Amino acid sequence: MFAHRLADDAELRPLEPWQSAEFAEHVARVRDDIVEYIPWGHLIVDEATARAYLDSYAEKQARDAGRIYGIWMDGVLQGGTLFRTFDAAMGVCELGVWLAAEARGRGLITTAARHMIDWTFGTRGMHRVEWHCDRRNTSSSAVARRLGMTREGVLRESYLLGGTRRDVEIWAVLADEWRSA
């Protein structure tokens, strides 16, 4: 196992199925902070649903199709990052994030995302990292901008969450752009 230090009191490390009870408790605690923009905020309601979600990412990782990591502050799970999609053959992946409101404003998401992007381009040789976010989620768009991503467009009403059709902004950075930044 590894841990990547994000701050004196925060680290990024794999989030695995054996941590399903901790993940279920985390989602219950931060649900109100994330449910507006994170679809699985509605779906993870107990340890069994948390286990199923983490199992799906363990299966994705085994197929080299996705990964999930947690952000712990002082030993408490506060958020995370994930490769929702990861297509090594095409060299394209989508990076996603979430964070409890109490942990925001410290640059943890930006730092964690930079680490993930560095790994993606430097270790895995990917070509493109995408960032998809609800058009109304200005905090998420601001992170994409801080990461040097380009806003490529909006998919109008492209997904349904909580009974409401949502617009999705598509941001991306290419390997050459990342290396030269």
N, C-alpha and C. Protein backbone atom coordinates (compact mmCIF):
# COMPACT_ATOMS: atom_id res chain seq x y z
N MET A 1 0.84 -1.17 0.00
CA MET A 1 0.00 0.00 0.00
C MET A 1 0.89 1.24 0.00
N PHE A 2 0.37 2.32 -0.51
CA PHE A 2 1.10 3.57 -0.50
C PHE A 2 0.22 4.66 0.07
N ALA A 3 0.85 5.73 0.50
CA ALA A 3 0.15 6.94 0.91
C ALA A 3 0.94 8.11 0.34
N HIS A 4 0.24 9.06 -0.24
CA HIS A 4 0.87 10.26 -0.78
C HIS A 4 0.44 11.43 0.09
N ARG A 5 1.41 12.10 0.71
CA ARG A 5 1.12 13.22 1.60
C ARG A 5 0.64 14.42 0.79
N LEU A 6 -0.53 14.96 1.18
CA LEU A 6 -1.09 16.15 0.54
C LEU A 6 -0.84 17.40 1.38
N ALA A 7 -0.76 17.21 2.70
CA ALA A 7 -0.50 18.28 3.67
C ALA A 7 -0.02 17.59 4.94
N ASP A 8 0.37 18.37 5.94
CA ASP A 8 0.87 17.77 7.18
C ASP A 8 -0.14 16.80 7.79
N ASP A 9 -1.42 17.08 7.63
CA ASP A 9 -2.46 16.26 8.26
C ASP A 9 -3.33 15.51 7.26
N ALA A 10 -2.91 15.45 5.99
CA ALA A 10 -3.77 14.85 4.96
C ALA A 10 -2.96 13.98 4.02
N GLU A 11 -3.57 12.86 3.61
CA GLU A 11 -2.91 11.98 2.66
C GLU A 11 -3.92 11.34 1.72
N LEU A 12 -3.40 10.96 0.56
CA LEU A 12 -4.15 10.27 -0.48
C LEU A 12 -3.68 8.83 -0.49
N ARG A 13 -4.63 7.88 -0.46
CA ARG A 13 -4.26 6.47 -0.54
C ARG A 13 -5.41 5.68 -1.12
N PRO A 14 -5.14 4.46 -1.58
CA PRO A 14 -6.20 3.66 -2.18
C PRO A 14 -7.40 3.48 -1.24
N LEU A 15 -8.58 3.47 -1.83
CA LEU A 15 -9.83 3.20 -1.11
C LEU A 15 -10.30 1.84 -1.61
N GLU A 16 -10.33 0.86 -0.72
CA GLU A 16 -10.50 -0.53 -1.13
C GLU A 16 -11.74 -1.16 -0.49
N PRO A 17 -12.23 -2.27 -1.06
CA PRO A 17 -13.45 -2.90 -0.56
C PRO A 17 -13.44 -3.21 0.93
N TRP A 18 -12.30 -3.58 1.49
CA TRP A 18 -12.26 -3.89 2.93
C TRP A 18 -12.56 -2.66 3.79
N GLN A 19 -12.59 -1.46 3.17
CA GLN A 19 -12.89 -0.23 3.89
C GLN A 19 -14.35 0.20 3.71
N SER A 20 -15.21 -0.73 3.33
CA SER A 20 -16.59 -0.38 3.02
C SER A 20 -17.35 0.21 4.20
N ALA A 21 -17.12 -0.26 5.41
CA ALA A 21 -17.82 0.32 6.58
C ALA A 21 -17.40 1.77 6.77
N GLU A 22 -16.10 2.04 6.65
CA GLU A 22 -15.61 3.41 6.78
C GLU A 22 -16.16 4.30 5.66
N PHE A 23 -16.20 3.76 4.44
CA PHE A 23 -16.73 4.52 3.31
C PHE A 23 -18.21 4.81 3.49
N ALA A 24 -18.99 3.83 3.94
CA ALA A 24 -20.43 4.03 4.18
C ALA A 24 -20.64 5.13 5.23
N GLU A 25 -19.86 5.10 6.30
CA GLU A 25 -19.97 6.13 7.34
C GLU A 25 -19.61 7.49 6.77
N HIS A 26 -18.55 7.53 5.97
CA HIS A 26 -18.13 8.79 5.34
C HIS A 26 -19.24 9.36 4.47
N VAL A 27 -19.83 8.53 3.61
CA VAL A 27 -20.88 9.02 2.72
C VAL A 27 -22.08 9.52 3.54
N ALA A 28 -22.45 8.81 4.59
CA ALA A 28 -23.56 9.26 5.43
C ALA A 28 -23.24 10.63 6.05
N ARG A 29 -21.99 10.82 6.46
CA ARG A 29 -21.58 12.07 7.10
C ARG A 29 -21.53 13.24 6.12
N VAL A 30 -21.10 12.99 4.86
CA VAL A 30 -20.92 14.08 3.90
C VAL A 30 -22.00 14.15 2.83
N ARG A 31 -23.00 13.30 2.95
CA ARG A 31 -24.03 13.23 1.91
C ARG A 31 -24.55 14.62 1.52
N ASP A 32 -24.91 15.43 2.50
CA ASP A 32 -25.46 16.75 2.19
C ASP A 32 -24.45 17.64 1.47
N ASP A 33 -23.15 17.39 1.67
CA ASP A 33 -22.10 18.18 1.02
C ASP A 33 -21.91 17.79 -0.45
N ILE A 34 -22.24 16.54 -0.80
CA ILE A 34 -21.88 16.04 -2.13
C ILE A 34 -23.07 15.69 -3.02
N VAL A 35 -24.22 15.45 -2.43
CA VAL A 35 -25.33 14.85 -3.18
C VAL A 35 -25.84 15.74 -4.33
N GLU A 36 -25.59 17.03 -4.25
CA GLU A 36 -26.03 17.94 -5.32
C GLU A 36 -25.34 17.63 -6.66
N TYR A 37 -24.10 17.10 -6.58
CA TYR A 37 -23.33 16.90 -7.80
C TYR A 37 -22.78 15.49 -7.99
N ILE A 38 -22.80 14.66 -6.95
CA ILE A 38 -22.20 13.33 -7.00
C ILE A 38 -23.29 12.28 -7.02
N PRO A 39 -23.52 11.61 -8.15
CA PRO A 39 -24.63 10.66 -8.26
C PRO A 39 -24.62 9.55 -7.21
N TRP A 40 -23.44 9.03 -6.87
CA TRP A 40 -23.43 7.92 -5.91
C TRP A 40 -23.74 8.38 -4.49
N GLY A 41 -23.82 9.69 -4.27
CA GLY A 41 -24.25 10.19 -2.97
C GLY A 41 -25.65 9.71 -2.60
N HIS A 42 -26.47 9.45 -3.62
CA HIS A 42 -27.83 8.92 -3.42
C HIS A 42 -27.81 7.40 -3.26
N LEU A 43 -26.84 6.73 -3.85
CA LEU A 43 -26.85 5.28 -3.96
C LEU A 43 -26.21 4.55 -2.79
N ILE A 44 -25.23 5.15 -2.17
CA ILE A 44 -24.52 4.49 -1.07
C ILE A 44 -25.23 4.84 0.23
N VAL A 45 -25.96 3.85 0.75
CA VAL A 45 -26.81 4.11 1.92
C VAL A 45 -26.46 3.21 3.11
N ASP A 46 -25.59 2.23 2.90
CA ASP A 46 -25.20 1.32 3.98
C ASP A 46 -23.90 0.63 3.58
N GLU A 47 -23.43 -0.25 4.45
CA GLU A 47 -22.17 -0.92 4.18
C GLU A 47 -22.24 -1.81 2.93
N ALA A 48 -23.39 -2.43 2.70
CA ALA A 48 -23.52 -3.31 1.52
C ALA A 48 -23.40 -2.52 0.22
N THR A 49 -24.06 -1.36 0.15
CA THR A 49 -23.98 -0.57 -1.08
C THR A 49 -22.60 0.06 -1.21
N ALA A 50 -21.97 0.41 -0.09
CA ALA A 50 -20.60 0.92 -0.14
C ALA A 50 -19.66 -0.17 -0.64
N ARG A 51 -19.86 -1.38 -0.16
CA ARG A 51 -19.03 -2.52 -0.59
C ARG A 51 -19.20 -2.78 -2.08
N ALA A 52 -20.43 -2.74 -2.56
CA ALA A 52 -20.67 -2.97 -3.99
C ALA A 52 -19.97 -1.90 -4.83
N TYR A 53 -20.03 -0.65 -4.38
CA TYR A 53 -19.39 0.43 -5.12
C TYR A 53 -17.87 0.25 -5.14
N LEU A 54 -17.28 -0.04 -3.98
CA LEU A 54 -15.83 -0.23 -3.92
C LEU A 54 -15.41 -1.50 -4.66
N ASP A 55 -16.25 -2.54 -4.61
CA ASP A 55 -15.97 -3.74 -5.41
C ASP A 55 -15.92 -3.41 -6.90
N SER A 56 -16.83 -2.55 -7.35
CA SER A 56 -16.86 -2.19 -8.77
C SER A 56 -15.55 -1.50 -9.17
N TYR A 57 -14.98 -0.70 -8.27
CA TYR A 57 -13.71 -0.06 -8.58
C TYR A 57 -12.54 -1.03 -8.48
N ALA A 58 -12.62 -2.00 -7.58
CA ALA A 58 -11.58 -3.04 -7.53
C ALA A 58 -11.58 -3.83 -8.85
N GLU A 59 -12.78 -4.12 -9.36
CA GLU A 59 -12.89 -4.81 -10.65
C GLU A 59 -12.38 -3.95 -11.78
N LYS A 60 -12.72 -2.65 -11.75
CA LYS A 60 -12.20 -1.73 -12.77
C LYS A 60 -10.67 -1.70 -12.73
N GLN A 61 -10.11 -1.61 -11.53
CA GLN A 61 -8.65 -1.56 -11.43
C GLN A 61 -8.02 -2.84 -11.97
N ALA A 62 -8.64 -3.99 -11.67
CA ALA A 62 -8.12 -5.26 -12.18
C ALA A 62 -8.14 -5.30 -13.70
N ARG A 63 -9.11 -4.61 -14.31
CA ARG A 63 -9.21 -4.54 -15.78
C ARG A 63 -8.45 -3.33 -16.35
N ASP A 64 -7.80 -2.56 -15.48
CA ASP A 64 -7.11 -1.33 -15.88
C ASP A 64 -8.10 -0.34 -16.51
N ALA A 65 -9.27 -0.24 -15.88
CA ALA A 65 -10.33 0.60 -16.42
C ALA A 65 -10.80 1.68 -15.45
N GLY A 66 -10.20 1.79 -14.29
CA GLY A 66 -10.58 2.80 -13.30
C GLY A 66 -9.90 2.54 -11.98
N ARG A 67 -9.93 3.53 -11.10
CA ARG A 67 -9.31 3.43 -9.77
C ARG A 67 -10.01 4.42 -8.85
N ILE A 68 -9.92 4.16 -7.54
CA ILE A 68 -10.49 5.09 -6.55
C ILE A 68 -9.53 5.23 -5.38
N TYR A 69 -9.41 6.45 -4.89
CA TYR A 69 -8.52 6.78 -3.78
C TYR A 69 -9.29 7.64 -2.78
N GLY A 70 -8.90 7.54 -1.53
CA GLY A 70 -9.49 8.38 -0.49
C GLY A 70 -8.52 9.45 -0.05
N ILE A 71 -9.08 10.52 0.48
CA ILE A 71 -8.30 11.58 1.12
C ILE A 71 -8.65 11.53 2.61
N TRP A 72 -7.64 11.24 3.42
CA TRP A 72 -7.81 11.19 4.87
C TRP A 72 -7.14 12.40 5.50
N MET A 73 -7.85 13.03 6.43
CA MET A 73 -7.30 14.11 7.25
C MET A 73 -7.30 13.64 8.69
N ASP A 74 -6.14 13.68 9.32
CA ASP A 74 -6.03 13.19 10.70
C ASP A 74 -6.69 11.83 10.87
N GLY A 75 -6.51 10.96 9.87
CA GLY A 75 -7.02 9.60 9.94
C GLY A 75 -8.49 9.43 9.63
N VAL A 76 -9.19 10.51 9.26
CA VAL A 76 -10.62 10.45 8.96
C VAL A 76 -10.83 10.65 7.46
N LEU A 77 -11.55 9.75 6.83
CA LEU A 77 -11.86 9.86 5.41
C LEU A 77 -12.71 11.11 5.17
N GLN A 78 -12.21 12.02 4.32
CA GLN A 78 -12.89 13.30 4.06
C GLN A 78 -13.28 13.48 2.60
N GLY A 79 -12.78 12.65 1.71
CA GLY A 79 -13.09 12.82 0.29
C GLY A 79 -12.26 11.85 -0.52
N GLY A 80 -12.11 12.17 -1.80
CA GLY A 80 -11.32 11.29 -2.63
C GLY A 80 -11.23 11.73 -4.07
N THR A 81 -10.52 10.90 -4.81
CA THR A 81 -10.34 11.09 -6.25
C THR A 81 -10.60 9.74 -6.91
N LEU A 82 -10.94 9.79 -8.16
CA LEU A 82 -11.13 8.54 -8.88
C LEU A 82 -10.92 8.75 -10.37
N PHE A 83 -10.54 7.67 -11.00
CA PHE A 83 -10.59 7.63 -12.45
C PHE A 83 -11.89 6.92 -12.77
N ARG A 84 -12.92 7.70 -13.07
CA ARG A 84 -14.23 7.12 -13.38
C ARG A 84 -14.14 6.24 -14.60
N THR A 85 -13.38 6.69 -15.57
CA THR A 85 -13.05 5.88 -16.75
C THR A 85 -11.55 5.95 -16.95
N PHE A 86 -11.00 4.88 -17.50
CA PHE A 86 -9.56 4.82 -17.76
C PHE A 86 -9.38 3.87 -18.93
N ASP A 87 -9.09 4.43 -20.10
CA ASP A 87 -8.91 3.63 -21.31
C ASP A 87 -7.46 3.73 -21.75
N ALA A 88 -6.65 2.80 -21.25
CA ALA A 88 -5.21 2.83 -21.54
C ALA A 88 -4.93 2.68 -23.04
N ALA A 89 -5.71 1.88 -23.73
CA ALA A 89 -5.49 1.67 -25.16
C ALA A 89 -5.68 2.97 -25.94
N MET A 90 -6.68 3.76 -25.56
CA MET A 90 -6.94 5.04 -26.23
C MET A 90 -6.15 6.18 -25.61
N GLY A 91 -5.62 5.96 -24.40
CA GLY A 91 -4.84 7.00 -23.73
C GLY A 91 -5.69 8.11 -23.15
N VAL A 92 -6.93 7.79 -22.77
CA VAL A 92 -7.87 8.80 -22.28
C VAL A 92 -8.50 8.31 -20.98
N CYS A 93 -8.59 9.22 -20.00
CA CYS A 93 -9.28 8.89 -18.76
C CYS A 93 -10.04 10.11 -18.26
N GLU A 94 -10.96 9.86 -17.32
CA GLU A 94 -11.71 10.94 -16.69
C GLU A 94 -11.40 10.93 -15.21
N LEU A 95 -10.95 12.05 -14.70
CA LEU A 95 -10.64 12.23 -13.29
C LEU A 95 -11.82 12.89 -12.60
N GLY A 96 -12.22 12.35 -11.44
CA GLY A 96 -13.30 12.93 -10.65
C GLY A 96 -12.86 13.08 -9.21
N VAL A 97 -13.55 13.94 -8.47
CA VAL A 97 -13.18 14.22 -7.08
C VAL A 97 -14.43 14.50 -6.24
N TRP A 98 -14.27 14.42 -4.92
CA TRP A 98 -15.28 14.88 -3.98
C TRP A 98 -14.58 15.20 -2.67
N LEU A 99 -15.19 16.07 -1.85
CA LEU A 99 -14.59 16.45 -0.58
C LEU A 99 -15.66 16.98 0.36
N ALA A 100 -15.56 16.59 1.62
CA ALA A 100 -16.45 17.10 2.65
C ALA A 100 -16.29 18.62 2.76
N ALA A 101 -17.38 19.31 3.04
CA ALA A 101 -17.34 20.77 3.15
C ALA A 101 -16.31 21.23 4.18
N GLU A 102 -16.19 20.52 5.29
CA GLU A 102 -15.28 20.93 6.36
C GLU A 102 -13.81 20.85 5.95
N ALA A 103 -13.50 20.14 4.89
CA ALA A 103 -12.11 19.98 4.44
C ALA A 103 -11.78 20.88 3.26
N ARG A 104 -12.73 21.63 2.77
CA ARG A 104 -12.51 22.46 1.58
C ARG A 104 -11.73 23.73 1.90
N GLY A 105 -11.17 24.31 0.84
CA GLY A 105 -10.46 25.58 0.97
C GLY A 105 -9.00 25.44 1.35
N ARG A 106 -8.47 24.23 1.34
CA ARG A 106 -7.08 23.99 1.72
C ARG A 106 -6.22 23.55 0.54
N GLY A 107 -6.82 23.42 -0.64
CA GLY A 107 -6.08 22.99 -1.82
C GLY A 107 -5.86 21.50 -1.91
N LEU A 108 -6.54 20.72 -1.08
CA LEU A 108 -6.34 19.27 -1.08
C LEU A 108 -6.75 18.63 -2.39
N ILE A 109 -7.87 19.05 -2.94
CA ILE A 109 -8.35 18.46 -4.20
C ILE A 109 -7.39 18.82 -5.34
N THR A 110 -6.97 20.06 -5.41
CA THR A 110 -6.05 20.46 -6.47
C THR A 110 -4.73 19.69 -6.35
N THR A 111 -4.21 19.56 -5.14
CA THR A 111 -2.96 18.84 -4.92
C THR A 111 -3.11 17.36 -5.28
N ALA A 112 -4.21 16.75 -4.83
CA ALA A 112 -4.45 15.34 -5.14
C ALA A 112 -4.62 15.14 -6.65
N ALA A 113 -5.37 16.02 -7.29
CA ALA A 113 -5.59 15.90 -8.74
C ALA A 113 -4.27 16.07 -9.50
N ARG A 114 -3.42 16.99 -9.07
CA ARG A 114 -2.11 17.14 -9.71
C ARG A 114 -1.30 15.84 -9.62
N HIS A 115 -1.33 15.24 -8.46
CA HIS A 115 -0.62 13.97 -8.28
C HIS A 115 -1.17 12.90 -9.22
N MET A 116 -2.49 12.82 -9.31
CA MET A 116 -3.13 11.83 -10.18
C MET A 116 -2.77 12.08 -11.64
N ILE A 117 -2.78 13.33 -12.06
CA ILE A 117 -2.46 13.66 -13.45
C ILE A 117 -0.98 13.39 -13.73
N ASP A 118 -0.10 13.74 -12.79
CA ASP A 118 1.32 13.42 -12.96
C ASP A 118 1.51 11.93 -13.19
N TRP A 119 0.85 11.11 -12.37
CA TRP A 119 0.95 9.65 -12.49
C TRP A 119 0.41 9.19 -13.85
N THR A 120 -0.72 9.76 -14.24
CA THR A 120 -1.37 9.37 -15.49
C THR A 120 -0.45 9.60 -16.69
N PHE A 121 0.12 10.78 -16.75
CA PHE A 121 0.98 11.10 -17.89
C PHE A 121 2.38 10.51 -17.73
N GLY A 122 2.96 10.64 -16.54
CA GLY A 122 4.35 10.24 -16.33
C GLY A 122 4.55 8.73 -16.24
N THR A 123 3.69 8.05 -15.51
CA THR A 123 3.86 6.62 -15.30
C THR A 123 3.10 5.80 -16.33
N ARG A 124 1.88 6.19 -16.62
CA ARG A 124 1.03 5.40 -17.50
C ARG A 124 1.10 5.81 -18.96
N GLY A 125 1.65 6.96 -19.26
CA GLY A 125 1.81 7.37 -20.65
C GLY A 125 0.49 7.71 -21.34
N MET A 126 -0.49 8.13 -20.57
CA MET A 126 -1.78 8.52 -21.15
C MET A 126 -1.60 9.80 -21.98
N HIS A 127 -2.57 10.07 -22.83
CA HIS A 127 -2.51 11.23 -23.72
C HIS A 127 -3.43 12.36 -23.26
N ARG A 128 -4.56 12.02 -22.62
CA ARG A 128 -5.58 13.02 -22.32
C ARG A 128 -6.25 12.69 -20.99
N VAL A 129 -6.40 13.70 -20.13
CA VAL A 129 -7.17 13.57 -18.90
C VAL A 129 -8.36 14.52 -18.99
N GLU A 130 -9.55 13.96 -18.81
CA GLU A 130 -10.77 14.76 -18.85
C GLU A 130 -11.30 15.02 -17.44
N TRP A 131 -12.09 16.07 -17.34
CA TRP A 131 -12.75 16.47 -16.09
C TRP A 131 -14.17 16.84 -16.48
N HIS A 132 -15.14 16.11 -15.98
CA HIS A 132 -16.55 16.40 -16.27
C HIS A 132 -17.19 16.93 -15.00
N CYS A 133 -17.93 18.03 -15.10
CA CYS A 133 -18.61 18.55 -13.91
C CYS A 133 -19.91 19.22 -14.29
N ASP A 134 -20.84 19.19 -13.35
CA ASP A 134 -22.10 19.90 -13.50
C ASP A 134 -21.79 21.37 -13.75
N ARG A 135 -22.46 21.94 -14.71
CA ARG A 135 -22.20 23.33 -15.09
C ARG A 135 -22.36 24.28 -13.91
N ARG A 136 -23.24 23.93 -12.97
CA ARG A 136 -23.49 24.79 -11.80
C ARG A 136 -22.42 24.63 -10.71
N ASN A 137 -21.57 23.62 -10.83
CA ASN A 137 -20.57 23.36 -9.81
C ASN A 137 -19.32 24.21 -10.08
N THR A 138 -19.41 25.47 -9.69
CA THR A 138 -18.34 26.41 -9.99
C THR A 138 -17.04 26.07 -9.25
N SER A 139 -17.13 25.41 -8.10
CA SER A 139 -15.91 24.99 -7.39
C SER A 139 -15.15 23.96 -8.20
N SER A 140 -15.87 23.02 -8.80
CA SER A 140 -15.23 22.00 -9.61
C SER A 140 -14.60 22.61 -10.86
N SER A 141 -15.31 23.52 -11.50
CA SER A 141 -14.76 24.21 -12.67
C SER A 141 -13.50 24.99 -12.30
N ALA A 142 -13.50 25.58 -11.11
CA ALA A 142 -12.33 26.35 -10.67
C ALA A 142 -11.11 25.43 -10.50
N VAL A 143 -11.31 24.22 -10.00
CA VAL A 143 -10.19 23.27 -9.88
C VAL A 143 -9.66 22.93 -11.27
N ALA A 144 -10.55 22.63 -12.20
CA ALA A 144 -10.12 22.31 -13.56
C ALA A 144 -9.29 23.45 -14.14
N ARG A 145 -9.73 24.68 -13.91
CA ARG A 145 -9.01 25.85 -14.40
C ARG A 145 -7.63 25.93 -13.73
N ARG A 146 -7.56 25.73 -12.39
CA ARG A 146 -6.28 25.77 -11.68
C ARG A 146 -5.32 24.69 -12.18
N LEU A 147 -5.87 23.58 -12.63
CA LEU A 147 -5.04 22.49 -13.16
C LEU A 147 -4.55 22.76 -14.58
N GLY A 148 -4.97 23.87 -15.15
CA GLY A 148 -4.53 24.22 -16.50
C GLY A 148 -5.32 23.53 -17.59
N MET A 149 -6.49 23.02 -17.24
CA MET A 149 -7.33 22.35 -18.24
C MET A 149 -8.04 23.39 -19.11
N THR A 150 -8.43 22.95 -20.29
CA THR A 150 -9.19 23.77 -21.23
C THR A 150 -10.64 23.34 -21.19
N ARG A 151 -11.54 24.31 -21.09
CA ARG A 151 -12.97 24.02 -21.16
C ARG A 151 -13.31 23.82 -22.63
N GLU A 152 -13.72 22.60 -22.96
CA GLU A 152 -13.95 22.26 -24.36
C GLU A 152 -15.41 22.40 -24.78
N GLY A 153 -16.30 22.43 -23.82
CA GLY A 153 -17.69 22.59 -24.19
C GLY A 153 -18.64 22.13 -23.09
N VAL A 154 -19.92 22.14 -23.45
CA VAL A 154 -20.97 21.74 -22.53
C VAL A 154 -21.86 20.72 -23.22
N LEU A 155 -22.11 19.62 -22.53
CA LEU A 155 -23.10 18.64 -22.99
C LEU A 155 -24.42 19.02 -22.32
N ARG A 156 -25.30 19.61 -23.09
CA ARG A 156 -26.54 20.13 -22.53
C ARG A 156 -27.47 19.00 -22.11
N GLU A 157 -27.97 19.12 -20.86
CA GLU A 157 -28.94 18.18 -20.29
C GLU A 157 -28.54 16.73 -20.55
N SER A 158 -27.28 16.43 -20.34
CA SER A 158 -26.77 15.10 -20.71
C SER A 158 -26.89 14.04 -19.63
N TYR A 159 -27.23 14.44 -18.41
CA TYR A 159 -27.48 13.40 -17.41
C TYR A 159 -28.56 13.83 -16.44
N LEU A 160 -29.17 12.85 -15.84
CA LEU A 160 -30.30 13.05 -14.93
C LEU A 160 -29.83 12.76 -13.51
N LEU A 161 -30.03 13.71 -12.61
CA LEU A 161 -29.68 13.52 -11.20
C LEU A 161 -30.78 14.14 -10.36
N GLY A 162 -31.35 13.34 -9.47
CA GLY A 162 -32.39 13.84 -8.60
C GLY A 162 -33.61 14.35 -9.35
N GLY A 163 -33.90 13.74 -10.49
CA GLY A 163 -35.06 14.14 -11.27
C GLY A 163 -34.86 15.37 -12.14
N THR A 164 -33.64 15.90 -12.17
CA THR A 164 -33.35 17.11 -12.94
C THR A 164 -32.29 16.82 -13.99
N ARG A 165 -32.55 17.26 -15.22
CA ARG A 165 -31.55 17.15 -16.29
C ARG A 165 -30.45 18.16 -16.03
N ARG A 166 -29.20 17.72 -16.16
CA ARG A 166 -28.04 18.56 -15.85
C ARG A 166 -27.17 18.75 -17.08
N ASP A 167 -26.61 19.97 -17.19
CA ASP A 167 -25.59 20.26 -18.19
C ASP A 167 -24.23 19.85 -17.61
N VAL A 168 -23.37 19.30 -18.46
CA VAL A 168 -22.04 18.87 -18.02
C VAL A 168 -20.98 19.63 -18.80
N GLU A 169 -20.07 20.28 -18.07
CA GLU A 169 -18.92 20.91 -18.69
C GLU A 169 -17.85 19.84 -18.90
N ILE A 170 -17.19 19.91 -20.04
CA ILE A 170 -16.08 19.02 -20.35
C ILE A 170 -14.80 19.85 -20.37
N TRP A 171 -13.87 19.49 -19.50
CA TRP A 171 -12.55 20.10 -19.43
C TRP A 171 -11.53 19.02 -19.76
N ALA A 172 -10.37 19.40 -20.26
CA ALA A 172 -9.33 18.40 -20.54
C ALA A 172 -7.96 19.05 -20.58
N VAL A 173 -6.96 18.20 -20.33
CA VAL A 173 -5.57 18.60 -20.51
C VAL A 173 -4.88 17.46 -21.24
N LEU A 174 -4.01 17.83 -22.17
CA LEU A 174 -3.24 16.85 -22.94
C LEU A 174 -1.85 16.71 -22.33
N ALA A 175 -1.24 15.57 -22.56
CA ALA A 175 0.08 15.28 -21.97
C ALA A 175 1.10 16.36 -22.30
N ASP A 176 1.18 16.80 -23.56
CA ASP A 176 2.16 17.82 -23.93
C ASP A 176 1.89 19.13 -23.22
N GLU A 177 0.63 19.50 -23.05
CA GLU A 177 0.27 20.72 -22.34
C GLU A 177 0.70 20.62 -20.87
N TRP A 178 0.47 19.46 -20.28
CA TRP A 178 0.81 19.25 -18.86
C TRP A 178 2.32 19.35 -18.65
N ARG A 179 3.06 18.72 -19.53
CA ARG A 179 4.53 18.73 -19.40
C ARG A 179 5.11 20.12 -19.58
N SER A 180 4.50 20.93 -20.44
CA SER A 180 5.05 22.25 -20.72
C SER A 180 4.58 23.30 -19.72
N ALA A 181 3.59 22.96 -18.89
CA ALA A 181 3.05 23.96 -17.95
C ALA A 181 3.96 24.17 -16.74
